[in-house]
Amino acid sequence: MRTEDARAFAAALLAKNGVPAAEAAIVVDALLEADMKGLGSHGLMRLPVYIKRVKAGLLKAAAELRVVRDEAATAVLDANFSLGQVAGERGMAIAIEKAAGYGIGACLVVNSGHFGMASRYGLQAAKKNMVGLVFANTTPLMPPTGGSAKMLGNNPLAIVAPTKTDPIVVDMALSAVAMGKIMVAKNKGEKIPLDWATDKTGVPTDDPAKAIDGGLLLPMAGPKGYSLAVALEILTGVLAGSFAWQIPSLYNMDKKQSIAHFFVVIDVARFVDLEAYLENVEALRAGLKASGKQPGVQEIFMPGEIELNKGKAALASGEITLPAAVVKEMNELAAAAGIPPLE
């Protein structure tokens, strides 16, 4: 389908549910960016649950953001249960503003919602020739190493660095795979690798439905992934006073989520001449790409390069592909709102 058709449809659906046009555009742009980059786990498949949470009074249709602490290089933004993409964009903008004044800036966002693709916010900083670091906690999905209970989220992290051309984008969840990818597999009727998740009894499963129904996500790299998740919980949940195990599922329609995001921005020009930095990062890229390759490997990619290339191709084609299950769920909400279906 045409990307612009999907954009107009999603914006109209949010508007019908009380989301102001400017804020709807932020949310839709974020979701479409993920779909265009091949990251459907953070794309339009999330729109129906956002709308259901707005209708249930668990998310604010119109954002109510308030800076509750404002120091020289730091700030705390209370999202007041607003849409995560809107809160995330504002939080990163504050961190960028602080970094412009002091070289390094940071903003903690509290009481927020699911904000989608973490690297989107890091890209805001890269556009200003700054390095953006993004951390968040989530609803509990993973056990501690040796544990059998969900205690930690798969706490995403992103580090985005500016270059002369495409930014270098590190973006990952700390589980072996994001829950959204398991949901995508379920929507497509596909099996999952056995090292992604367990069923509710703790036994590794290749059935995405069993993983979603009370299963556990497994940390990436075992104890290393667990340790990183704890570190990010300190930078988000501990600072915000909202631990992962206190955050209900995005799909729990009885309770509000209180997710924390932490944005840190580094103005590289405060540490080294900007042109020297850009030359150095290009030398890093060139060196890695020119290094030896394993048999059968045609090209070495920089972190995030494959997704950026997919995004460029999708932008050039003007087309987007969505799973039938996602379109069906959105159309059901559209029918209730009196909006023509997405074809």
C-alpha atoms as a PDB file:
ATOM      1  CA  MET A   1       0.000   0.000   0.000  1.00  0.00           C
ATOM      2  CA  ARG A   2       1.045   3.629  -0.388  1.00  0.00           C
ATOM      3  CA  THR A   3       2.924   4.954   2.630  1.00  0.00           C
ATOM      4  CA  GLU A   4       1.035   8.236   2.489  1.00  0.00           C
ATOM      5  CA  ASP A   5      -2.292   6.385   2.587  1.00  0.00           C
ATOM      6  CA  ALA A   6      -1.177   4.604   5.743  1.00  0.00           C
ATOM      7  CA  ARG A   7       0.051   7.905   7.206  1.00  0.00           C
ATOM      8  CA  ALA A   8      -3.247   9.713   6.532  1.00  0.00           C
ATOM      9  CA  PHE A   9      -5.282   6.768   7.858  1.00  0.00           C
ATOM     10  CA  ALA A  10      -3.294   6.485  11.093  1.00  0.00           C
ATOM     11  CA  ALA A  11      -3.382  10.254  11.692  1.00  0.00           C
ATOM     12  CA  ALA A  12      -7.153  10.332  11.125  1.00  0.00           C
ATOM     13  CA  LEU A  13      -7.635   7.427  13.526  1.00  0.00           C
ATOM     14  CA  LEU A  14      -5.678   9.222  16.254  1.00  0.00           C
ATOM     15  CA  ALA A  15      -7.518  12.488  15.584  1.00  0.00           C
ATOM     16  CA  LYS A  16     -10.879  10.726  15.947  1.00  0.00           C
ATOM     17  CA  ASN A  17      -9.724   9.664  19.379  1.00  0.00           C
ATOM     18  CA  GLY A  18      -8.803  13.156  20.504  1.00  0.00           C
ATOM     19  CA  VAL A  19      -5.081  13.340  19.696  1.00  0.00           C
ATOM     20  CA  PRO A  20      -4.122  16.840  18.434  1.00  0.00           C
ATOM     21  CA  ALA A  21      -2.873  16.924  14.846  1.00  0.00           C
ATOM     22  CA  ALA A  22       0.717  17.909  15.682  1.00  0.00           C
ATOM     23  CA  GLU A  23       1.031  15.148  18.275  1.00  0.00           C
ATOM     24  CA  ALA A  24      -0.637  12.592  16.004  1.00  0.00           C
ATOM     25  CA  ALA A  25       1.952  13.448  13.346  1.00  0.00           C
ATOM     26  CA  ILE A  26       4.794  12.730  15.795  1.00  0.00           C
ATOM     27  CA  VAL A  27       3.346   9.331  16.714  1.00  0.00           C
ATOM     28  CA  VAL A  28       2.564   8.319  13.130  1.00  0.00           C
ATOM     29  CA  ASP A  29       5.967   9.457  11.843  1.00  0.00           C
ATOM     30  CA  ALA A  30       7.658   7.358  14.518  1.00  0.00           C
ATOM     31  CA  LEU A  31       5.611   4.248  13.752  1.00  0.00           C
ATOM     32  CA  LEU A  32       6.019   4.567   9.990  1.00  0.00           C
ATOM     33  CA  GLU A  33       9.760   5.144  10.325  1.00  0.00           C
ATOM     34  CA  ALA A  34      10.032   1.821  12.123  1.00  0.00           C
ATOM     35  CA  ASP A  35       7.949  -0.001   9.505  1.00  0.00           C
ATOM     36  CA  MET A  36       9.957   1.524   6.659  1.00  0.00           C
ATOM     37  CA  LYS A  37      13.193   0.375   8.282  1.00  0.00           C
ATOM     38  CA  GLY A  38      11.895  -3.178   8.592  1.00  0.00           C
ATOM     39  CA  LEU A  39      11.319  -2.873  12.347  1.00  0.00           C
ATOM     40  CA  GLY A  40       7.641  -3.771  12.355  1.00  0.00           C
ATOM     41  CA  SER A  41       7.780  -4.604  16.061  1.00  0.00           C
ATOM     42  CA  HIS A  42       7.749  -0.838  16.718  1.00  0.00           C
ATOM     43  CA  GLY A  43       5.601   0.146  13.748  1.00  0.00           C
ATOM     44  CA  LEU A  44       1.894   0.544  13.074  1.00  0.00           C
ATOM     45  CA  MET A  45       1.182  -2.769  14.793  1.00  0.00           C
ATOM     46  CA  ARG A  46       1.393  -0.720  18.012  1.00  0.00           C
ATOM     47  CA  LEU A  47      -1.221   1.863  16.967  1.00  0.00           C
ATOM     48  CA  PRO A  48      -4.318  -0.135  17.989  1.00  0.00           C
ATOM     49  CA  VAL A  49      -3.112  -0.665  21.554  1.00  0.00           C
ATOM     50  CA  TYR A  50      -2.195   3.023  21.888  1.00  0.00           C
ATOM     51  CA  ILE A  51      -5.720   3.966  20.836  1.00  0.00           C
ATOM     52  CA  LYS A  52      -7.282   1.402  23.154  1.00  0.00           C
ATOM     53  CA  ARG A  53      -5.259   2.836  26.049  1.00  0.00           C
ATOM     54  CA  VAL A  54      -6.342   6.380  25.158  1.00  0.00           C
ATOM     55  CA  LYS A  55      -9.990   5.279  25.050  1.00  0.00           C
ATOM     56  CA  ALA A  56      -9.565   3.528  28.409  1.00  0.00           C
ATOM     57  CA  GLY A  57      -8.130   6.678  29.982  1.00  0.00           C
ATOM     58  CA  LEU A  58      -4.720   5.062  30.500  1.00  0.00           C
ATOM     59  CA  LEU A  59      -2.945   7.480  28.126  1.00  0.00           C
ATOM     60  CA  LYS A  60      -3.627  11.180  27.648  1.00  0.00           C
ATOM     61  CA  ALA A  61      -4.999  11.950  24.189  1.00  0.00           C
ATOM     62  CA  ALA A  62      -3.477  15.437  24.403  1.00  0.00           C
ATOM     63  CA  ALA A  63      -0.030  15.530  25.987  1.00  0.00           C
ATOM     64  CA  GLU A  64       0.374  17.146  29.400  1.00  0.00           C
ATOM     65  CA  LEU A  65       4.142  17.517  29.760  1.00  0.00           C
ATOM     66  CA  ARG A  66       5.685  19.414  32.670  1.00  0.00           C
ATOM     67  CA  VAL A  67       9.322  20.102  33.565  1.00  0.00           C
ATOM     68  CA  VAL A  68       9.486  19.402  37.302  1.00  0.00           C
ATOM     69  CA  ARG A  69      13.237  19.886  37.808  1.00  0.00           C
ATOM     70  CA  ASP A  70      15.462  22.190  35.780  1.00  0.00           C
ATOM     71  CA  GLU A  71      19.172  22.500  36.562  1.00  0.00           C
ATOM     72  CA  ALA A  72      22.087  23.774  34.484  1.00  0.00           C
ATOM     73  CA  ALA A  73      22.694  20.680  32.349  1.00  0.00           C
ATOM     74  CA  THR A  74      19.887  18.431  33.556  1.00  0.00           C
ATOM     75  CA  ALA A  75      16.111  18.286  33.701  1.00  0.00           C
ATOM     76  CA  VAL A  76      13.252  16.010  34.699  1.00  0.00           C
ATOM     77  CA  LEU A  77      10.149  15.934  32.520  1.00  0.00           C
ATOM     78  CA  ASP A  78       6.910  14.508  33.902  1.00  0.00           C
ATOM     79  CA  ALA A  79       5.034  13.045  30.921  1.00  0.00           C
ATOM     80  CA  ASN A  80       1.857  12.646  33.004  1.00  0.00           C
ATOM     81  CA  PHE A  81       0.934   9.458  31.098  1.00  0.00           C
ATOM     82  CA  SER A  82       1.116  11.108  27.676  1.00  0.00           C
ATOM     83  CA  LEU A  83       1.902   9.222  24.475  1.00  0.00           C
ATOM     84  CA  GLY A  84       5.502   8.032  24.679  1.00  0.00           C
ATOM     85  CA  GLN A  85       6.587   9.305  21.274  1.00  0.00           C
ATOM     86  CA  VAL A  86       5.473  12.841  22.142  1.00  0.00           C
ATOM     87  CA  ALA A  87       7.158  12.730  25.546  1.00  0.00           C
ATOM     88  CA  GLY A  88      10.296  11.156  24.083  1.00  0.00           C
ATOM     89  CA  GLU A  89      10.704  13.793  21.399  1.00  0.00           C
ATOM     90  CA  ARG A  90      10.315  16.577  23.960  1.00  0.00           C
ATOM     91  CA  GLY A  91      12.693  14.915  26.428  1.00  0.00           C
ATOM     92  CA  MET A  92      15.407  14.578  23.810  1.00  0.00           C
ATOM     93  CA  ALA A  93      14.856  18.184  22.689  1.00  0.00           C
ATOM     94  CA  ILE A  94      15.475  19.321  26.270  1.00  0.00           C
ATOM     95  CA  ALA A  95      18.671  17.240  26.486  1.00  0.00           C
ATOM     96  CA  ILE A  96      19.891  18.720  23.179  1.00  0.00           C
ATOM     97  CA  GLU A  97      19.199  22.236  24.443  1.00  0.00           C
ATOM     98  CA  LYS A  98      21.146  21.522  27.623  1.00  0.00           C
ATOM     99  CA  ALA A  99      24.076  20.057  25.657  1.00  0.00           C
ATOM    100  CA  ALA A 100      24.187  23.127  23.416  1.00  0.00           C
ATOM    101  CA  GLY A 101      24.725  25.233  26.525  1.00  0.00           C
ATOM    102  CA  TYR A 102      26.960  23.005  28.608  1.00  0.00           C
ATOM    103  CA  GLY A 103      28.516  20.419  26.277  1.00  0.00           C
ATOM    104  CA  ILE A 104      26.596  17.567  27.909  1.00  0.00           C
ATOM    105  CA  GLY A 105      22.871  17.533  28.641  1.00  0.00           C
ATOM    106  CA  ALA A 106      20.530  15.000  30.195  1.00  0.00           C
ATOM    107  CA  CYS A 107      16.787  14.693  30.654  1.00  0.00           C
ATOM    108  CA  LEU A 108      14.933  12.074  32.670  1.00  0.00           C
ATOM    109  CA  VAL A 109      11.341  11.490  31.557  1.00  0.00           C
ATOM    110  CA  VAL A 110       8.974   9.945  34.112  1.00  0.00           C
ATOM    111  CA  ASN A 111       5.395   8.644  33.891  1.00  0.00           C
ATOM    112  CA  SER A 112       5.634   8.069  30.149  1.00  0.00           C
ATOM    113  CA  GLY A 113       4.212   5.487  27.770  1.00  0.00           C
ATOM    114  CA  HIS A 114       5.730   3.088  25.246  1.00  0.00           C
ATOM    115  CA  PHE A 115       7.929   5.279  23.028  1.00  0.00           C
ATOM    116  CA  GLY A 116       8.695   2.862  20.193  1.00  0.00           C
ATOM    117  CA  MET A 117      12.043   2.808  18.440  1.00  0.00           C
ATOM    118  CA  ALA A 118      14.762   4.171  20.764  1.00  0.00           C
ATOM    119  CA  SER A 119      17.119   5.259  17.985  1.00  0.00           C
ATOM    120  CA  ARG A 120      14.555   7.746  16.665  1.00  0.00           C
ATOM    121  CA  TYR A 121      15.399  10.033  19.576  1.00  0.00           C
ATOM    122  CA  GLY A 122      19.131   9.568  19.182  1.00  0.00           C
ATOM    123  CA  LEU A 123      18.747  10.652  15.572  1.00  0.00           C
ATOM    124  CA  GLN A 124      17.379  13.980  16.832  1.00  0.00           C
ATOM    125  CA  ALA A 125      20.767  14.616  18.441  1.00  0.00           C
ATOM    126  CA  ALA A 126      22.788  13.369  15.461  1.00  0.00           C
ATOM    127  CA  LYS A 127      21.039  15.927  13.242  1.00  0.00           C
ATOM    128  CA  LYS A 128      22.612  18.582  15.496  1.00  0.00           C
ATOM    129  CA  ASN A 129      26.075  16.991  15.208  1.00  0.00           C
ATOM    130  CA  MET A 130      25.734  15.591  18.721  1.00  0.00           C
ATOM    131  CA  VAL A 131      25.870  12.035  20.044  1.00  0.00           C
ATOM    132  CA  GLY A 132      22.553  10.866  21.470  1.00  0.00           C
ATOM    133  CA  LEU A 133      22.208   8.171  24.140  1.00  0.00           C
ATOM    134  CA  VAL A 134      18.765   6.777  24.885  1.00  0.00           C
ATOM    135  CA  PHE A 135      17.761   4.412  27.677  1.00  0.00           C
ATOM    136  CA  ALA A 136      14.352   3.188  28.850  1.00  0.00           C
ATOM    137  CA  ASN A 137      12.824   0.620  31.145  1.00  0.00           C
ATOM    138  CA  THR A 138       9.829  -1.490  30.231  1.00  0.00           C
ATOM    139  CA  THR A 139       7.270  -3.846  31.670  1.00  0.00           C
ATOM    140  CA  PRO A 140       8.959  -6.964  33.145  1.00  0.00           C
ATOM    141  CA  LEU A 141       9.800  -9.532  30.496  1.00  0.00           C
ATOM    142  CA  MET A 142      13.058 -11.170  31.617  1.00  0.00           C
ATOM    143  CA  PRO A 143      14.253 -13.065  34.677  1.00  0.00           C
ATOM    144  CA  PRO A 144      17.561 -12.330  36.399  1.00  0.00           C
ATOM    145  CA  THR A 145      20.183 -14.889  35.531  1.00  0.00           C
ATOM    146  CA  GLY A 146      19.216 -18.059  37.379  1.00  0.00           C
ATOM    147  CA  GLY A 147      15.733 -16.761  38.097  1.00  0.00           C
ATOM    148  CA  SER A 148      12.307 -17.956  36.986  1.00  0.00           C
ATOM    149  CA  ALA A 149      10.206 -14.793  37.447  1.00  0.00           C
ATOM    150  CA  LYS A 150       9.771 -11.723  35.250  1.00  0.00           C
ATOM    151  CA  MET A 151      11.635  -8.971  37.080  1.00  0.00           C
ATOM    152  CA  LEU A 152      13.375  -6.828  34.451  1.00  0.00           C
ATOM    153  CA  GLY A 153      12.334  -5.288  31.182  1.00  0.00           C
ATOM    154  CA  ASN A 154      14.370  -5.877  28.056  1.00  0.00           C
ATOM    155  CA  ASN A 155      15.348  -2.228  28.599  1.00  0.00           C
ATOM    156  CA  PRO A 156      16.253  -0.778  25.183  1.00  0.00           C
ATOM    157  CA  LEU A 157      19.336   1.301  24.613  1.00  0.00           C
ATOM    158  CA  ALA A 158      20.396   3.361  21.625  1.00  0.00           C
ATOM    159  CA  ILE A 159      23.572   5.292  20.841  1.00  0.00           C
ATOM    160  CA  VAL A 160      23.498   7.383  17.680  1.00  0.00           C
ATOM    161  CA  ALA A 161      26.591   9.161  16.384  1.00  0.00           C
ATOM    162  CA  PRO A 162      26.674  11.814  13.647  1.00  0.00           C
ATOM    163  CA  THR A 163      28.860  11.385  10.570  1.00  0.00           C
ATOM    164  CA  LYS A 164      29.325  13.227   7.277  1.00  0.00           C
ATOM    165  CA  THR A 165      26.725  10.961   5.707  1.00  0.00           C
ATOM    166  CA  ASP A 166      24.502   8.383   7.415  1.00  0.00           C
ATOM    167  CA  PRO A 167      24.695   8.323  11.214  1.00  0.00           C
ATOM    168  CA  ILE A 168      25.976   5.254  13.006  1.00  0.00           C
ATOM    169  CA  VAL A 169      23.013   3.769  14.871  1.00  0.00           C
ATOM    170  CA  VAL A 170      23.289   1.279  17.714  1.00  0.00           C
ATOM    171  CA  ASP A 171      19.784   0.267  18.839  1.00  0.00           C
ATOM    172  CA  MET A 172      19.000  -2.869  20.779  1.00  0.00           C
ATOM    173  CA  ALA A 173      16.840  -4.461  23.409  1.00  0.00           C
ATOM    174  CA  LEU A 174      18.698  -6.407  26.072  1.00  0.00           C
ATOM    175  CA  SER A 175      16.726  -9.588  25.563  1.00  0.00           C
ATOM    176  CA  ALA A 176      17.798 -11.990  22.846  1.00  0.00           C
ATOM    177  CA  VAL A 177      15.011 -10.391  20.809  1.00  0.00           C
ATOM    178  CA  ALA A 178      12.317  -7.770  21.437  1.00  0.00           C
ATOM    179  CA  MET A 179       8.829  -9.008  22.346  1.00  0.00           C
ATOM    180  CA  GLY A 180       7.563  -7.042  19.364  1.00  0.00           C
ATOM    181  CA  LYS A 181       9.473  -9.340  17.020  1.00  0.00           C
ATOM    182  CA  ILE A 182       7.811 -12.346  18.615  1.00  0.00           C
ATOM    183  CA  MET A 183       4.455 -10.647  18.057  1.00  0.00           C
ATOM    184  CA  VAL A 184       5.386 -10.070  14.412  1.00  0.00           C
ATOM    185  CA  ALA A 185       6.209 -13.787  14.081  1.00  0.00           C
ATOM    186  CA  LYS A 186       2.831 -14.659  15.590  1.00  0.00           C
ATOM    187  CA  ASN A 187       1.039 -12.332  13.159  1.00  0.00           C
ATOM    188  CA  LYS A 188       2.887 -13.962  10.255  1.00  0.00           C
ATOM    189  CA  GLY A 189       2.277 -17.505  11.500  1.00  0.00           C
ATOM    190  CA  GLU A 190       6.017 -18.152  11.859  1.00  0.00           C
ATOM    191  CA  LYS A 191       7.998 -20.086  14.474  1.00  0.00           C
ATOM    192  CA  ILE A 192      10.732 -18.463  16.566  1.00  0.00           C
ATOM    193  CA  PRO A 193      14.243 -19.708  17.480  1.00  0.00           C
ATOM    194  CA  LEU A 194      14.434 -21.662  20.725  1.00  0.00           C
ATOM    195  CA  ASP A 195      16.897 -19.205  22.297  1.00  0.00           C
ATOM    196  CA  TRP A 196      14.470 -16.273  22.121  1.00  0.00           C
ATOM    197  CA  ALA A 197      11.956 -17.127  24.845  1.00  0.00           C
ATOM    198  CA  THR A 198      10.374 -19.734  27.087  1.00  0.00           C
ATOM    199  CA  ASP A 199       6.738 -20.711  27.612  1.00  0.00           C
ATOM    200  CA  LYS A 200       5.050 -19.959  30.956  1.00  0.00           C
ATOM    201  CA  THR A 201       6.610 -23.058  32.513  1.00  0.00           C
ATOM    202  CA  GLY A 202      10.129 -21.822  31.706  1.00  0.00           C
ATOM    203  CA  VAL A 203      10.779 -24.288  28.877  1.00  0.00           C
ATOM    204  CA  PRO A 204      12.284 -22.815  25.670  1.00  0.00           C
ATOM    205  CA  THR A 205       9.667 -22.643  22.914  1.00  0.00           C
ATOM    206  CA  ASP A 206       9.499 -22.052  19.165  1.00  0.00           C
ATOM    207  CA  ASP A 207       5.807 -21.104  19.392  1.00  0.00           C
ATOM    208  CA  PRO A 208       5.400 -17.290  19.573  1.00  0.00           C
ATOM    209  CA  ALA A 209       1.900 -17.635  21.048  1.00  0.00           C
ATOM    210  CA  LYS A 210       3.281 -19.600  24.001  1.00  0.00           C
ATOM    211  CA  ALA A 211       6.041 -17.035  24.494  1.00  0.00           C
ATOM    212  CA  ILE A 212       3.501 -14.212  24.563  1.00  0.00           C
ATOM    213  CA  ASP A 213       1.128 -16.093  26.873  1.00  0.00           C
ATOM    214  CA  GLY A 214       3.071 -15.750  30.115  1.00  0.00           C
ATOM    215  CA  GLY A 215       6.459 -16.757  28.730  1.00  0.00           C
ATOM    216  CA  LEU A 216       9.840 -15.225  29.569  1.00  0.00           C
ATOM    217  CA  LEU A 217      12.185 -13.428  27.219  1.00  0.00           C
ATOM    218  CA  LEU A 218      15.769 -14.610  27.597  1.00  0.00           C
ATOM    219  CA  PRO A 219      18.573 -12.045  28.114  1.00  0.00           C
ATOM    220  CA  MET A 220      20.988 -11.586  25.242  1.00  0.00           C
ATOM    221  CA  ALA A 221      24.398 -13.102  25.979  1.00  0.00           C
ATOM    222  CA  GLY A 222      23.159 -14.577  29.252  1.00  0.00           C
ATOM    223  CA  PRO A 223      24.602 -12.830  32.350  1.00  0.00           C
ATOM    224  CA  LYS A 224      25.946  -9.954  30.231  1.00  0.00           C
ATOM    225  CA  GLY A 225      22.493  -9.022  28.984  1.00  0.00           C
ATOM    226  CA  TYR A 226      21.110  -9.379  32.509  1.00  0.00           C
ATOM    227  CA  SER A 227      23.842  -7.105  33.900  1.00  0.00           C
ATOM    228  CA  LEU A 228      23.197  -4.423  31.289  1.00  0.00           C
ATOM    229  CA  ALA A 229      19.462  -4.579  32.007  1.00  0.00           C
ATOM    230  CA  VAL A 230      20.190  -3.939  35.698  1.00  0.00           C
ATOM    231  CA  ALA A 231      22.438  -0.990  34.781  1.00  0.00           C
ATOM    232  CA  LEU A 232      19.706   0.555  32.640  1.00  0.00           C
ATOM    233  CA  GLU A 233      17.137  -0.067  35.372  1.00  0.00           C
ATOM    234  CA  ILE A 234      19.312   2.071  37.649  1.00  0.00           C
ATOM    235  CA  LEU A 235      19.426   4.885  35.058  1.00  0.00           C
ATOM    236  CA  THR A 236      15.660   4.765  34.534  1.00  0.00           C
ATOM    237  CA  GLY A 237      13.537   2.930  37.092  1.00  0.00           C
ATOM    238  CA  VAL A 238      15.688   3.718  40.114  1.00  0.00           C
ATOM    239  CA  LEU A 239      15.981   7.413  39.199  1.00  0.00           C
ATOM    240  CA  ALA A 240      12.263   7.633  38.420  1.00  0.00           C
ATOM    241  CA  GLY A 241      11.077   5.430  41.303  1.00  0.00           C
ATOM    242  CA  SER A 242       9.252   3.085  38.940  1.00  0.00           C
ATOM    243  CA  PHE A 243      10.779  -0.401  38.768  1.00  0.00           C
ATOM    244  CA  ALA A 244      10.109  -2.711  35.853  1.00  0.00           C
ATOM    245  CA  TRP A 245       8.094  -5.158  37.955  1.00  0.00           C
ATOM    246  CA  GLN A 246       5.740  -2.293  38.873  1.00  0.00           C
ATOM    247  CA  ILE A 247       4.943  -1.490  35.228  1.00  0.00           C
ATOM    248  CA  PRO A 248       1.912  -3.350  33.849  1.00  0.00           C
ATOM    249  CA  SER A 249       1.858  -4.745  30.337  1.00  0.00           C
ATOM    250  CA  LEU A 250       1.077  -2.415  27.459  1.00  0.00           C
ATOM    251  CA  TYR A 251      -1.870  -4.724  26.818  1.00  0.00           C
ATOM    252  CA  ASN A 252      -3.236  -4.508  30.377  1.00  0.00           C
ATOM    253  CA  MET A 253      -6.296  -2.291  30.011  1.00  0.00           C
ATOM    254  CA  ASP A 254      -6.823  -1.813  33.747  1.00  0.00           C
ATOM    255  CA  LYS A 255      -3.644   0.000  34.829  1.00  0.00           C
ATOM    256  CA  LYS A 256      -1.522   2.934  33.701  1.00  0.00           C
ATOM    257  CA  GLN A 257       2.100   2.373  32.799  1.00  0.00           C
ATOM    258  CA  SER A 258       4.801   4.555  34.345  1.00  0.00           C
ATOM    259  CA  ILE A 259       7.758   4.070  32.021  1.00  0.00           C
ATOM    260  CA  ALA A 260      10.989   6.057  32.417  1.00  0.00           C
ATOM    261  CA  HIS A 261      13.246   7.297  29.631  1.00  0.00           C
ATOM    262  CA  PHE A 262      16.718   8.781  30.070  1.00  0.00           C
ATOM    263  CA  PHE A 263      18.265  10.931  27.347  1.00  0.00           C
ATOM    264  CA  VAL A 264      21.923  12.007  27.367  1.00  0.00           C
ATOM    265  CA  VAL A 265      23.437  14.215  24.669  1.00  0.00           C
ATOM    266  CA  ILE A 266      27.119  14.940  24.035  1.00  0.00           C
ATOM    267  CA  ASP A 267      28.171  17.916  21.926  1.00  0.00           C
ATOM    268  CA  VAL A 268      31.281  16.504  20.250  1.00  0.00           C
ATOM    269  CA  ALA A 269      32.519  19.993  19.315  1.00  0.00           C
ATOM    270  CA  ARG A 270      33.169  20.625  23.032  1.00  0.00           C
ATOM    271  CA  PHE A 271      35.710  17.800  23.073  1.00  0.00           C
ATOM    272  CA  VAL A 272      37.295  17.949  19.637  1.00  0.00           C
ATOM    273  CA  ASP A 273      37.061  20.101  16.537  1.00  0.00           C
ATOM    274  CA  LEU A 274      33.913  19.011  14.729  1.00  0.00           C
ATOM    275  CA  GLU A 275      35.660  18.501  11.402  1.00  0.00           C
ATOM    276  CA  ALA A 276      38.338  16.400  13.093  1.00  0.00           C
ATOM    277  CA  TYR A 277      35.629  14.272  14.694  1.00  0.00           C
ATOM    278  CA  LEU A 278      33.850  13.783  11.387  1.00  0.00           C
ATOM    279  CA  GLU A 279      37.122  12.789   9.698  1.00  0.00           C
ATOM    280  CA  ASN A 280      37.876  10.347  12.502  1.00  0.00           C
ATOM    281  CA  VAL A 281      34.478   8.685  12.411  1.00  0.00           C
ATOM    282  CA  GLU A 282      34.744   8.306   8.626  1.00  0.00           C
ATOM    283  CA  ALA A 283      38.168   6.705   9.113  1.00  0.00           C
ATOM    284  CA  LEU A 284      36.556   4.271  11.562  1.00  0.00           C
ATOM    285  CA  ARG A 285      33.821   3.446   9.050  1.00  0.00           C
ATOM    286  CA  ALA A 286      36.285   3.025   6.177  1.00  0.00           C
ATOM    287  CA  GLY A 287      38.600   0.835   8.229  1.00  0.00           C
ATOM    288  CA  LEU A 288      35.838  -1.513   9.337  1.00  0.00           C
ATOM    289  CA  LYS A 289      34.322  -1.792   5.876  1.00  0.00           C
ATOM    290  CA  ALA A 290      37.697  -2.494   4.259  1.00  0.00           C
ATOM    291  CA  SER A 291      38.660  -5.167   6.787  1.00  0.00           C
ATOM    292  CA  GLY A 292      38.783  -8.871   5.972  1.00  0.00           C
ATOM    293  CA  LYS A 293      35.525 -10.718   5.387  1.00  0.00           C
ATOM    294  CA  GLN A 294      34.417 -14.198   6.310  1.00  0.00           C
ATOM    295  CA  PRO A 295      33.709 -16.639   3.465  1.00  0.00           C
ATOM    296  CA  GLY A 296      30.472 -15.785   1.688  1.00  0.00           C
ATOM    297  CA  VAL A 297      30.227 -12.273   3.154  1.00  0.00           C
ATOM    298  CA  GLN A 298      29.898  -9.613   0.465  1.00  0.00           C
ATOM    299  CA  GLU A 299      29.901  -6.480   2.625  1.00  0.00           C
ATOM    300  CA  ILE A 300      30.540  -5.413   6.191  1.00  0.00           C
ATOM    301  CA  PHE A 301      27.790  -3.131   7.485  1.00  0.00           C
ATOM    302  CA  MET A 302      27.988  -0.470  10.140  1.00  0.00           C
ATOM    303  CA  PRO A 303      25.497  -0.665  13.027  1.00  0.00           C
ATOM    304  CA  GLY A 304      22.099   0.492  11.792  1.00  0.00           C
ATOM    305  CA  GLU A 305      23.167   0.645   8.144  1.00  0.00           C
ATOM    306  CA  ILE A 306      20.877  -2.147   6.946  1.00  0.00           C
ATOM    307  CA  GLU A 307      17.843  -0.500   8.543  1.00  0.00           C
ATOM    308  CA  LEU A 308      18.792   2.920   7.162  1.00  0.00           C
ATOM    309  CA  ASN A 309      19.101   1.409   3.675  1.00  0.00           C
ATOM    310  CA  LYS A 310      15.664  -0.203   4.006  1.00  0.00           C
ATOM    311  CA  GLY A 311      14.249   3.139   5.066  1.00  0.00           C
ATOM    312  CA  LYS A 312      15.722   4.884   2.031  1.00  0.00           C
ATOM    313  CA  ALA A 313      14.346   2.210  -0.294  1.00  0.00           C
ATOM    314  CA  ALA A 314      10.885   2.442   1.265  1.00  0.00           C
ATOM    315  CA  LEU A 315      10.961   6.225   0.996  1.00  0.00           C
ATOM    316  CA  ALA A 316      11.941   6.020  -2.667  1.00  0.00           C
ATOM    317  CA  SER A 317       9.219   3.488  -3.505  1.00  0.00           C
ATOM    318  CA  GLY A 318       6.516   5.234  -1.515  1.00  0.00           C
ATOM    319  CA  GLU A 319       5.185   1.795  -0.570  1.00  0.00           C
ATOM    320  CA  ILE A 320       4.845  -0.050   2.704  1.00  0.00           C
ATOM    321  CA  THR A 321       3.862  -3.624   3.555  1.00  0.00           C
ATOM    322  CA  LEU A 322       1.875  -4.366   6.704  1.00  0.00           C
ATOM    323  CA  PRO A 323       0.815  -7.770   8.055  1.00  0.00           C
ATOM    324  CA  ALA A 324      -2.828  -8.573   7.319  1.00  0.00           C
ATOM    325  CA  ALA A 325      -3.497  -9.004  11.053  1.00  0.00           C
ATOM    326  CA  VAL A 326      -2.315  -5.449  11.744  1.00  0.00           C
ATOM    327  CA  VAL A 327      -4.470  -3.975   8.970  1.00  0.00           C
ATOM    328  CA  LYS A 328      -7.472  -5.974  10.215  1.00  0.00           C
ATOM    329  CA  GLU A 329      -7.109  -4.687  13.772  1.00  0.00           C
ATOM    330  CA  MET A 330      -6.704  -1.074  12.641  1.00  0.00           C
ATOM    331  CA  ASN A 331      -9.718  -1.354  10.357  1.00  0.00           C
ATOM    332  CA  GLU A 332     -11.839  -2.612  13.217  1.00  0.00           C
ATOM    333  CA  LEU A 333     -10.996   0.547  15.151  1.00  0.00           C
ATOM    334  CA  ALA A 334     -11.604   2.626  12.028  1.00  0.00           C
ATOM    335  CA  ALA A 335     -15.075   1.153  11.589  1.00  0.00           C
ATOM    336  CA  ALA A 336     -15.928   2.082  15.170  1.00  0.00           C
ATOM    337  CA  ALA A 337     -14.679   5.619  14.518  1.00  0.00           C
ATOM    338  CA  GLY A 338     -16.474   6.000  11.186  1.00  0.00           C
ATOM    339  CA  ILE A 339     -13.282   6.148   9.110  1.00  0.00           C
ATOM    340  CA  PRO A 340     -12.956   4.445   5.708  1.00  0.00           C
ATOM    341  CA  PRO A 341     -10.838   1.267   5.940  1.00  0.00           C
ATOM    342  CA  LEU A 342      -7.188   1.047   5.008  1.00  0.00           C
ATOM    343  CA  GLU A 343      -6.995  -0.978   1.805  1.00  0.00           C
END
